[in-house]
């Protein structure tokens, strides 16, 4: 009998992630290949004070991910899209994450 995957399992299998990230002054690179959409995201991350900011491209769109309010148990992850004026960022996603273990 074939097993059925939950939506979360399907979505997690749809992403092929290659990452190398260290919290220091050196930039880090994140590459995400979305198999369902065929769109690739490439971001370069750096520490910005107490936050981590990654800027890059998703297809033809300039994007920014910000990780802030970082503690040992939680953090805030925000995704932004650069607007046509080339200066303004529009919030497109926001996640408050907490460790559950």
PDB file of N, CA and C in Angstrom:
ATOM      1  N   UNK A   1       0.846  -1.179   0.000  1.00  0.00           N
ATOM      2  CA  UNK A   1       0.000   0.000   0.000  1.00  0.00           C
ATOM      3  C   UNK A   1       0.889   1.238   0.000  1.00  0.00           C
ATOM      4  N   UNK A   2       0.582   2.224  -0.850  1.00  0.00           N
ATOM      5  CA  UNK A   2       1.340   3.465  -0.905  1.00  0.00           C
ATOM      6  C   UNK A   2       0.989   4.351   0.276  1.00  0.00           C
ATOM      7  N   UNK A   3       2.013   4.927   0.876  1.00  0.00           N
ATOM      8  CA  UNK A   3       1.733   5.837   1.989  1.00  0.00           C
ATOM      9  C   UNK A   3       1.395   7.218   1.443  1.00  0.00           C
ATOM     10  N   UNK A   4       0.578   7.931   2.163  1.00  0.00           N
ATOM     11  CA  UNK A   4       0.187   9.276   1.766  1.00  0.00           C
ATOM     12  C   UNK A   4       0.975  10.264   2.600  1.00  0.00           C
ATOM     13  N   UNK A   5       1.501  11.290   1.951  1.00  0.00           N
ATOM     14  CA  UNK A   5       2.278  12.309   2.646  1.00  0.00           C
ATOM     15  C   UNK A   5       1.364  13.440   3.091  1.00  0.00           C
ATOM     16  N   UNK A   6       1.624  13.949   4.282  1.00  0.00           N
ATOM     17  CA  UNK A   6       0.888  15.136   4.722  1.00  0.00           C
ATOM     18  C   UNK A   6       1.356  16.322   3.893  1.00  0.00           C
ATOM     19  N   UNK A   7       0.602  17.402   3.920  1.00  0.00           N
ATOM     20  CA  UNK A   7       0.978  18.608   3.174  1.00  0.00           C
ATOM     21  C   UNK A   7       2.341  19.114   3.619  1.00  0.00           C
ATOM     22  N   UNK A   8       2.634  19.065   4.911  1.00  0.00           N
ATOM     23  CA  UNK A   8       3.925  19.525   5.418  1.00  0.00           C
ATOM     24  C   UNK A   8       5.055  18.658   4.892  1.00  0.00           C
ATOM     25  N   UNK A   9       4.864  17.355   4.888  1.00  0.00           N
ATOM     26  CA  UNK A   9       5.899  16.455   4.364  1.00  0.00           C
ATOM     27  C   UNK A   9       6.122  16.695   2.878  1.00  0.00           C
ATOM     28  N   UNK A  10       5.041  16.884   2.128  1.00  0.00           N
ATOM     29  CA  UNK A  10       5.163  17.159   0.699  1.00  0.00           C
ATOM     30  C   UNK A  10       5.922  18.449   0.464  1.00  0.00           C
ATOM     31  N   UNK A  11       5.551  19.507   1.186  1.00  0.00           N
ATOM     32  CA  UNK A  11       6.197  20.805   1.014  1.00  0.00           C
ATOM     33  C   UNK A  11       7.665  20.746   1.400  1.00  0.00           C
ATOM     34  N   UNK A  12       7.998  20.037   2.479  1.00  0.00           N
ATOM     35  CA  UNK A  12       9.388  19.973   2.897  1.00  0.00           C
ATOM     36  C   UNK A  12      10.212  19.187   1.900  1.00  0.00           C
ATOM     37  N   UNK A  13       9.627  18.207   1.231  1.00  0.00           N
ATOM     38  CA  UNK A  13      10.355  17.454   0.211  1.00  0.00           C
ATOM     39  C   UNK A  13      10.493  18.264  -1.075  1.00  0.00           C
ATOM     40  N   UNK A  14       9.654  19.284  -1.251  1.00  0.00           N
ATOM     41  CA  UNK A  14       9.697  20.094  -2.465  1.00  0.00           C
ATOM     42  C   UNK A  14      10.856  21.069  -2.449  1.00  0.00           C
ATOM     43  N   UNK A  15      11.429  21.315  -1.301  1.00  0.00           N
ATOM     44  CA  UNK A  15      12.535  22.265  -1.193  1.00  0.00           C
ATOM     45  C   UNK A  15      13.853  21.518  -1.101  1.00  0.00           C
ATOM     46  N   UNK A  16      14.758  21.889  -1.940  1.00  0.00           N
ATOM     47  CA  UNK A  16      16.112  21.351  -1.866  1.00  0.00           C
ATOM     48  C   UNK A  16      16.963  22.512  -1.345  1.00  0.00           C
ATOM     49  N   UNK A  17      17.484  22.381  -0.160  1.00  0.00           N
ATOM     50  CA  UNK A  17      18.184  23.489   0.468  1.00  0.00           C
ATOM     51  C   UNK A  17      19.653  23.167   0.635  1.00  0.00           C
ATOM     52  N   UNK A  18      20.471  24.115   0.270  1.00  0.00           N
ATOM     53  CA  UNK A  18      21.910  24.012   0.473  1.00  0.00           C
ATOM     54  C   UNK A  18      22.317  25.240   1.251  1.00  0.00           C
ATOM     55  N   UNK A  19      22.797  25.054   2.445  1.00  0.00           N
ATOM     56  CA  UNK A  19      23.109  26.218   3.265  1.00  0.00           C
ATOM     57  C   UNK A  19      24.402  26.037   4.018  1.00  0.00           C
ATOM     58  N   UNK A  20      25.062  27.136   4.232  1.00  0.00           N
ATOM     59  CA  UNK A  20      26.263  27.179   5.049  1.00  0.00           C
ATOM     60  C   UNK A  20      26.205  28.499   5.780  1.00  0.00           C
ATOM     61  N   UNK A  21      25.848  28.476   7.050  1.00  0.00           N
ATOM     62  CA  UNK A  21      25.598  29.731   7.748  1.00  0.00           C
ATOM     63  C   UNK A  21      26.237  29.723   9.121  1.00  0.00           C
ATOM     64  N   UNK A  22      27.022  30.723   9.396  1.00  0.00           N
ATOM     65  CA  UNK A  22      27.644  30.889  10.710  1.00  0.00           C
ATOM     66  C   UNK A  22      27.377  32.301  11.184  1.00  0.00           C
ATOM     67  N   UNK A  23      27.151  32.452  12.460  1.00  0.00           N
ATOM     68  CA  UNK A  23      26.873  33.774  13.007  1.00  0.00           C
ATOM     69  C   UNK A  23      28.208  34.443  13.335  1.00  0.00           C
ATOM     70  N   UNK A  24      28.755  35.090  12.362  1.00  0.00           N
ATOM     71  CA  UNK A  24      29.962  35.881  12.567  1.00  0.00           C
ATOM     72  C   UNK A  24      29.973  36.983  11.523  1.00  0.00           C
ATOM     73  N   UNK A  25      31.107  37.588  11.264  1.00  0.00           N
ATOM     74  CA  UNK A  25      31.151  38.735  10.362  1.00  0.00           C
ATOM     75  C   UNK A  25      31.237  38.347   8.899  1.00  0.00           C
ATOM     76  N   UNK A  26      31.476  37.079   8.607  1.00  0.00           N
ATOM     77  CA  UNK A  26      31.559  36.640   7.222  1.00  0.00           C
ATOM     78  C   UNK A  26      30.169  36.425   6.644  1.00  0.00           C
ATOM     79  N   UNK A  27      29.987  36.752   5.362  1.00  0.00           N
ATOM     80  CA  UNK A  27      28.684  36.484   4.743  1.00  0.00           C
ATOM     81  C   UNK A  27      28.472  34.989   4.570  1.00  0.00           C
ATOM     82  N   UNK A  28      27.221  34.605   4.508  1.00  0.00           N
ATOM     83  CA  UNK A  28      26.859  33.206   4.303  1.00  0.00           C
ATOM     84  C   UNK A  28      25.883  33.139   3.147  1.00  0.00           C
ATOM     85  N   UNK A  29      25.863  32.024   2.464  1.00  0.00           N
ATOM     86  CA  UNK A  29      25.023  31.875   1.288  1.00  0.00           C
ATOM     87  C   UNK A  29      23.959  30.821   1.536  1.00  0.00           C
ATOM     88  N   UNK A  30      22.756  31.104   1.052  1.00  0.00           N
ATOM     89  CA  UNK A  30      21.640  30.166   1.130  1.00  0.00           C
ATOM     90  C   UNK A  30      21.063  30.026  -0.268  1.00  0.00           C
ATOM     91  N   UNK A  31      20.897  28.798  -0.726  1.00  0.00           N
ATOM     92  CA  UNK A  31      20.289  28.531  -2.027  1.00  0.00           C
ATOM     93  C   UNK A  31      19.086  27.626  -1.810  1.00  0.00           C
ATOM     94  N   UNK A  32      17.967  27.990  -2.410  1.00  0.00           N
ATOM     95  CA  UNK A  32      16.755  27.172  -2.306  1.00  0.00           C
ATOM     96  C   UNK A  32      16.224  26.931  -3.706  1.00  0.00           C
ATOM     97  N   UNK A  33      16.004  25.676  -4.028  1.00  0.00           N
ATOM     98  CA  UNK A  33      15.457  25.281  -5.318  1.00  0.00           C
ATOM     99  C   UNK A  33      14.058  24.750  -5.064  1.00  0.00           C
ATOM    100  N   UNK A  34      13.033  25.472  -5.498  1.00  0.00           N
ATOM    101  CA  UNK A  34      11.653  25.053  -5.273  1.00  0.00           C
ATOM    102  C   UNK A  34      11.216  24.177  -6.443  1.00  0.00           C
ATOM    103  N   UNK A  35      11.121  22.894  -6.205  1.00  0.00           N
ATOM    104  CA  UNK A  35      10.842  21.940  -7.272  1.00  0.00           C
ATOM    105  C   UNK A  35       9.448  22.096  -7.874  1.00  0.00           C
ATOM    106  N   UNK A  36       8.471  22.538  -7.087  1.00  0.00           N
ATOM    107  CA  UNK A  36       7.119  22.678  -7.623  1.00  0.00           C
ATOM    108  C   UNK A  36       7.019  23.860  -8.570  1.00  0.00           C
ATOM    109  N   UNK A  37       7.620  24.981  -8.207  1.00  0.00           N
ATOM    110  CA  UNK A  37       7.481  26.190  -9.013  1.00  0.00           C
ATOM    111  C   UNK A  37       8.620  26.366  -9.996  1.00  0.00           C
ATOM    112  N   UNK A  38       9.757  25.727  -9.740  1.00  0.00           N
ATOM    113  CA  UNK A  38      10.908  25.891 -10.606  1.00  0.00           C
ATOM    114  C   UNK A  38      11.655  27.189 -10.370  1.00  0.00           C
ATOM    115  N   UNK A  39      11.273  27.933  -9.339  1.00  0.00           N
ATOM    116  CA  UNK A  39      11.918  29.203  -9.031  1.00  0.00           C
ATOM    117  C   UNK A  39      13.025  28.960  -8.018  1.00  0.00           C
ATOM    118  N   UNK A  40      14.165  29.563  -8.256  1.00  0.00           N
ATOM    119  CA  UNK A  40      15.321  29.399  -7.370  1.00  0.00           C
ATOM    120  C   UNK A  40      15.535  30.682  -6.575  1.00  0.00           C
ATOM    121  N   UNK A  41      15.835  30.535  -5.303  1.00  0.00           N
ATOM    122  CA  UNK A  41      16.160  31.675  -4.441  1.00  0.00           C
ATOM    123  C   UNK A  41      17.618  31.589  -4.036  1.00  0.00           C
ATOM    124  N   UNK A  42      18.337  32.675  -4.195  1.00  0.00           N
ATOM    125  CA  UNK A  42      19.734  32.782  -3.775  1.00  0.00           C
ATOM    126  C   UNK A  42      19.854  33.993  -2.871  1.00  0.00           C
ATOM    127  N   UNK A  43      20.346  33.786  -1.662  1.00  0.00           N
ATOM    128  CA  UNK A  43      20.480  34.886  -0.713  1.00  0.00           C
ATOM    129  C   UNK A  43      21.867  34.867  -0.083  1.00  0.00           C
ATOM    130  N   UNK A  44      22.367  36.048   0.251  1.00  0.00           N
ATOM    131  CA  UNK A  44      23.613  36.199   0.994  1.00  0.00           C
ATOM    132  C   UNK A  44      23.239  36.840   2.330  1.00  0.00           C
ATOM    133  N   UNK A  45      23.681  36.228   3.424  1.00  0.00           N
ATOM    134  CA  UNK A  45      23.312  36.715   4.749  1.00  0.00           C
ATOM    135  C   UNK A  45      24.491  37.292   5.501  1.00  0.00           C
ATOM    136  N   UNK A  46      24.177  38.296   6.313  1.00  0.00           N
ATOM    137  CA  UNK A  46      25.175  38.927   7.177  1.00  0.00           C
ATOM    138  C   UNK A  46      24.527  39.281   8.510  1.00  0.00           C
ATOM    139  N   UNK A  47      25.344  39.364   9.482  1.00  0.00           N
ATOM    140  CA  UNK A  47      24.883  39.837  10.786  1.00  0.00           C
ATOM    141  C   UNK A  47      24.722  41.351  10.717  1.00  0.00           C
ATOM    142  N   UNK A  48      23.636  41.851  11.275  1.00  0.00           N
ATOM    143  CA  UNK A  48      23.354  43.292  11.341  1.00  0.00           C
ATOM    144  C   UNK A  48      22.978  43.608  12.784  1.00  0.00           C
ATOM    145  N   UNK A  49      23.972  43.947  13.596  1.00  0.00           N
ATOM    146  CA  UNK A  49      23.724  44.126  15.021  1.00  0.00           C
ATOM    147  C   UNK A  49      23.379  42.787  15.633  1.00  0.00           C
ATOM    148  N   UNK A  50      22.219  42.691  16.272  1.00  0.00           N
ATOM    149  CA  UNK A  50      21.762  41.431  16.863  1.00  0.00           C
ATOM    150  C   UNK A  50      20.934  40.591  15.895  1.00  0.00           C
ATOM    151  N   UNK A  51      20.716  41.095  14.693  1.00  0.00           N
ATOM    152  CA  UNK A  51      19.869  40.423  13.706  1.00  0.00           C
ATOM    153  C   UNK A  51      20.715  39.755  12.630  1.00  0.00           C
ATOM    154  N   UNK A  52      20.049  38.932  11.830  1.00  0.00           N
ATOM    155  CA  UNK A  52      20.639  38.351  10.631  1.00  0.00           C
ATOM    156  C   UNK A  52      19.775  38.816   9.464  1.00  0.00           C
ATOM    157  N   UNK A  53      20.407  39.361   8.434  1.00  0.00           N
ATOM    158  CA  UNK A  53      19.685  39.847   7.260  1.00  0.00           C
ATOM    159  C   UNK A  53      20.254  39.163   6.027  1.00  0.00           C
ATOM    160  N   UNK A  54      19.368  38.598   5.221  1.00  0.00           N
ATOM    161  CA  UNK A  54      19.753  37.947   3.974  1.00  0.00           C
ATOM    162  C   UNK A  54      19.082  38.695   2.829  1.00  0.00           C
ATOM    163  N   UNK A  55      19.858  39.047   1.820  1.00  0.00           N
ATOM    164  CA  UNK A  55      19.320  39.743   0.653  1.00  0.00           C
ATOM    165  C   UNK A  55      19.713  38.946  -0.583  1.00  0.00           C
ATOM    166  N   UNK A  56      18.789  38.838  -1.512  1.00  0.00           N
ATOM    167  CA  UNK A  56      19.077  38.091  -2.728  1.00  0.00           C
ATOM    168  C   UNK A  56      17.944  38.172  -3.717  1.00  0.00           C
ATOM    169  N   UNK A  57      17.816  37.117  -4.511  1.00  0.00           N
ATOM    170  CA  UNK A  57      16.812  37.092  -5.563  1.00  0.00           C
ATOM    171  C   UNK A  57      16.019  35.792  -5.522  1.00  0.00           C
ATOM    172  N   UNK A  58      14.764  35.912  -5.821  1.00  0.00           N
ATOM    173  CA  UNK A  58      13.876  34.765  -6.040  1.00  0.00           C
ATOM    174  C   UNK A  58      13.352  34.939  -7.450  1.00  0.00           C
ATOM    175  N   UNK A  59      13.928  34.194  -8.378  1.00  0.00           N
ATOM    176  CA  UNK A  59      13.604  34.430  -9.778  1.00  0.00           C
ATOM    177  C   UNK A  59      14.104  35.810 -10.177  1.00  0.00           C
ATOM    178  N   UNK A  60      13.207  36.647 -10.642  1.00  0.00           N
ATOM    179  CA  UNK A  60      13.569  38.012 -11.058  1.00  0.00           C
ATOM    180  C   UNK A  60      13.301  39.048  -9.966  1.00  0.00           C
ATOM    181  N   UNK A  61      12.858  38.614  -8.799  1.00  0.00           N
ATOM    182  CA  UNK A  61      12.457  39.524  -7.724  1.00  0.00           C
ATOM    183  C   UNK A  61      13.544  39.624  -6.662  1.00  0.00           C
ATOM    184  N   UNK A  62      13.842  40.855  -6.235  1.00  0.00           N
ATOM    185  CA  UNK A  62      14.792  41.060  -5.135  1.00  0.00           C
ATOM    186  C   UNK A  62      14.046  40.864  -3.819  1.00  0.00           C
ATOM    187  N   UNK A  63      14.609  40.019  -2.952  1.00  0.00           N
ATOM    188  CA  UNK A  63      13.969  39.702  -1.681  1.00  0.00           C
ATOM    189  C   UNK A  63      14.929  39.923  -0.527  1.00  0.00           C
ATOM    190  N   UNK A  64      14.350  40.046   0.657  1.00  0.00           N
ATOM    191  CA  UNK A  64      15.142  40.179   1.887  1.00  0.00           C
ATOM    192  C   UNK A  64      14.470  39.369   2.973  1.00  0.00           C
ATOM    193  N   UNK A  65      15.263  38.582   3.692  1.00  0.00           N
ATOM    194  CA  UNK A  65      14.784  37.876   4.868  1.00  0.00           C
ATOM    195  C   UNK A  65      15.486  38.463   6.070  1.00  0.00           C
ATOM    196  N   UNK A  66      14.729  38.715   7.106  1.00  0.00           N
ATOM    197  CA  UNK A  66      15.269  39.279   8.332  1.00  0.00           C
ATOM    198  C   UNK A  66      14.924  38.359   9.498  1.00  0.00           C
ATOM    199  N   UNK A  67      15.935  38.026  10.284  1.00  0.00           N
ATOM    200  CA  UNK A  67      15.754  37.212  11.484  1.00  0.00           C
ATOM    201  C   UNK A  67      16.115  38.098  12.668  1.00  0.00           C
ATOM    202  N   UNK A  68      15.129  38.403  13.509  1.00  0.00           N
ATOM    203  CA  UNK A  68      15.343  39.343  14.616  1.00  0.00           C
ATOM    204  C   UNK A  68      14.735  38.802  15.903  1.00  0.00           C
ATOM    205  N   UNK A  69      14.904  39.576  16.972  1.00  0.00           N
ATOM    206  CA  UNK A  69      14.414  39.171  18.297  1.00  0.00           C
ATOM    207  C   UNK A  69      14.872  37.746  18.613  1.00  0.00           C
ATOM    208  N   UNK A  70      16.125  37.455  18.298  1.00  0.00           N
ATOM    209  CA  UNK A  70      16.670  36.107  18.435  1.00  0.00           C
ATOM    210  C   UNK A  70      17.036  35.826  19.887  1.00  0.00           C
ATOM    211  N   UNK A  71      16.459  34.769  20.427  1.00  0.00           N
ATOM    212  CA  UNK A  71      16.809  34.285  21.768  1.00  0.00           C
ATOM    213  C   UNK A  71      17.142  32.801  21.646  1.00  0.00           C
ATOM    214  N   UNK A  72      17.471  32.183  22.743  1.00  0.00           N
ATOM    215  CA  UNK A  72      17.757  30.754  22.703  1.00  0.00           C
ATOM    216  C   UNK A  72      16.491  29.928  22.461  1.00  0.00           C
ATOM    217  N   UNK A  73      15.311  30.544  22.595  1.00  0.00           N
ATOM    218  CA  UNK A  73      14.054  29.814  22.461  1.00  0.00           C
ATOM    219  C   UNK A  73      13.145  30.302  21.339  1.00  0.00           C
ATOM    220  N   UNK A  74      13.478  31.442  20.700  1.00  0.00           N
ATOM    221  CA  UNK A  74      12.564  31.963  19.682  1.00  0.00           C
ATOM    222  C   UNK A  74      13.267  32.996  18.791  1.00  0.00           C
ATOM    223  N   UNK A  75      12.593  33.306  17.677  1.00  0.00           N
ATOM    224  CA  UNK A  75      13.040  34.392  16.808  1.00  0.00           C
ATOM    225  C   UNK A  75      11.895  34.800  15.888  1.00  0.00           C
ATOM    226  N   UNK A  76      12.031  35.966  15.279  1.00  0.00           N
ATOM    227  CA  UNK A  76      11.057  36.499  14.336  1.00  0.00           C
ATOM    228  C   UNK A  76      11.685  36.451  12.947  1.00  0.00           C
ATOM    229  N   UNK A  77      10.994  35.837  11.983  1.00  0.00           N
ATOM    230  CA  UNK A  77      11.460  35.731  10.607  1.00  0.00           C
ATOM    231  C   UNK A  77      10.505  36.526   9.731  1.00  0.00           C
ATOM    232  N   UNK A  78      11.021  37.533   9.037  1.00  0.00           N
ATOM    233  CA  UNK A  78      10.204  38.355   8.146  1.00  0.00           C
ATOM    234  C   UNK A  78      10.763  38.286   6.731  1.00  0.00           C
ATOM    235  N   UNK A  79       9.882  38.189   5.761  1.00  0.00           N
ATOM    236  CA  UNK A  79      10.258  38.187   4.351  1.00  0.00           C
ATOM    237  C   UNK A  79       9.747  39.448   3.692  1.00  0.00           C
ATOM    238  N   UNK A  80      10.597  40.078   2.907  1.00  0.00           N
ATOM    239  CA  UNK A  80      10.251  41.336   2.237  1.00  0.00           C
ATOM    240  C   UNK A  80      10.528  41.220   0.744  1.00  0.00           C
ATOM    241  N   UNK A  81       9.808  42.031  -0.039  1.00  0.00           N
ATOM    242  CA  UNK A  81      10.013  42.127  -1.483  1.00  0.00           C
ATOM    243  C   UNK A  81      10.331  43.584  -1.797  1.00  0.00           C
ATOM    244  N   UNK A  82      11.390  43.807  -2.594  1.00  0.00           N
ATOM    245  CA  UNK A  82      11.760  45.164  -2.986  1.00  0.00           C
ATOM    246  C   UNK A  82      10.727  45.713  -3.968  1.00  0.00           C
ATOM    247  N   UNK A  83      10.256  46.929  -3.708  1.00  0.00           N
ATOM    248  CA  UNK A  83       9.246  47.550  -4.549  1.00  0.00           C
ATOM    249  C   UNK A  83       9.874  48.160  -5.800  1.00  0.00           C
ATOM    250  N   UNK A  84       9.035  48.555  -6.740  1.00  0.00           N
ATOM    251  CA  UNK A  84       9.490  49.084  -8.026  1.00  0.00           C
ATOM    252  C   UNK A  84      10.349  50.332  -7.893  1.00  0.00           C
ATOM    253  N   UNK A  85      10.187  51.093  -6.787  1.00  0.00           N
ATOM    254  CA  UNK A  85      10.995  52.307  -6.620  1.00  0.00           C
ATOM    255  C   UNK A  85      12.454  51.992  -6.281  1.00  0.00           C
ATOM    256  N   UNK A  86      12.741  50.713  -5.976  1.00  0.00           N
ATOM    257  CA  UNK A  86      14.101  50.305  -5.673  1.00  0.00           C
ATOM    258  C   UNK A  86      14.572  50.700  -4.285  1.00  0.00           C
ATOM    259  N   UNK A  87      13.686  51.283  -3.477  1.00  0.00           N
ATOM    260  CA  UNK A  87      14.048  51.755  -2.137  1.00  0.00           C
ATOM    261  C   UNK A  87      13.203  51.144  -1.036  1.00  0.00           C
ATOM    262  N   UNK A  88      11.940  50.886  -1.321  1.00  0.00           N
ATOM    263  CA  UNK A  88      10.981  50.438  -0.320  1.00  0.00           C
ATOM    264  C   UNK A  88      10.849  48.923  -0.315  1.00  0.00           C
ATOM    265  N   UNK A  89      10.739  48.356   0.906  1.00  0.00           N
ATOM    266  CA  UNK A  89      10.533  46.926   1.072  1.00  0.00           C
ATOM    267  C   UNK A  89       9.117  46.696   1.568  1.00  0.00           C
ATOM    268  N   UNK A  90       8.384  45.774   0.929  1.00  0.00           N
ATOM    269  CA  UNK A  90       7.043  45.406   1.377  1.00  0.00           C
ATOM    270  C   UNK A  90       7.107  44.073   2.100  1.00  0.00           C
ATOM    271  N   UNK A  91       6.525  44.043   3.300  1.00  0.00           N
ATOM    272  CA  UNK A  91       6.461  42.812   4.076  1.00  0.00           C
ATOM    273  C   UNK A  91       5.568  41.810   3.352  1.00  0.00           C
ATOM    274  N   UNK A  92       6.111  40.616   3.075  1.00  0.00           N
ATOM    275  CA  UNK A  92       5.319  39.605   2.370  1.00  0.00           C
ATOM    276  C   UNK A  92       5.030  38.382   3.232  1.00  0.00           C
ATOM    277  N   UNK A  93       5.816  38.180   4.291  1.00  0.00           N
ATOM    278  CA  UNK A  93       5.590  37.039   5.181  1.00  0.00           C
ATOM    279  C   UNK A  93       6.210  37.337   6.534  1.00  0.00           C
ATOM    280  N   UNK A  94       5.583  36.824   7.572  1.00  0.00           N
ATOM    281  CA  UNK A  94       6.108  37.007   8.931  1.00  0.00           C
ATOM    282  C   UNK A  94       5.793  35.762   9.755  1.00  0.00           C
ATOM    283  N   UNK A  95       6.847  35.256  10.423  1.00  0.00           N
ATOM    284  CA  UNK A  95       6.697  34.053  11.234  1.00  0.00           C
ATOM    285  C   UNK A  95       7.334  34.282  12.594  1.00  0.00           C
ATOM    286  N   UNK A  96       6.614  33.973  13.650  1.00  0.00           N
ATOM    287  CA  UNK A  96       7.180  33.971  15.000  1.00  0.00           C
ATOM    288  C   UNK A  96       7.424  32.509  15.350  1.00  0.00           C
ATOM    289  N   UNK A  97       8.688  32.152  15.534  1.00  0.00           N
ATOM    290  CA  UNK A  97       9.041  30.753  15.783  1.00  0.00           C
ATOM    291  C   UNK A  97       9.531  30.561  17.198  1.00  0.00           C
ATOM    292  N   UNK A  98       9.125  29.437  17.795  1.00  0.00           N
ATOM    293  CA  UNK A  98       9.525  29.092  19.153  1.00  0.00           C
ATOM    294  C   UNK A  98       9.991  27.650  19.197  1.00  0.00           C
ATOM    295  N   UNK A  99      10.994  27.403  20.006  1.00  0.00           N
ATOM    296  CA  UNK A  99      11.469  26.037  20.229  1.00  0.00           C
ATOM    297  C   UNK A  99      10.439  25.318  21.078  1.00  0.00           C
ATOM    298  N   UNK A 100      10.103  24.088  20.744  1.00  0.00           N
ATOM    299  CA  UNK A 100       9.085  23.365  21.490  1.00  0.00           C
ATOM    300  C   UNK A 100       9.669  22.230  22.323  1.00  0.00           C
ATOM    301  N   UNK A 101      10.959  22.016  22.245  1.00  0.00           N
ATOM    302  CA  UNK A 101      11.564  20.943  23.028  1.00  0.00           C
ATOM    303  C   UNK A 101      12.200  21.499  24.275  1.00  0.00           C
TER     304      UNK A 101
END
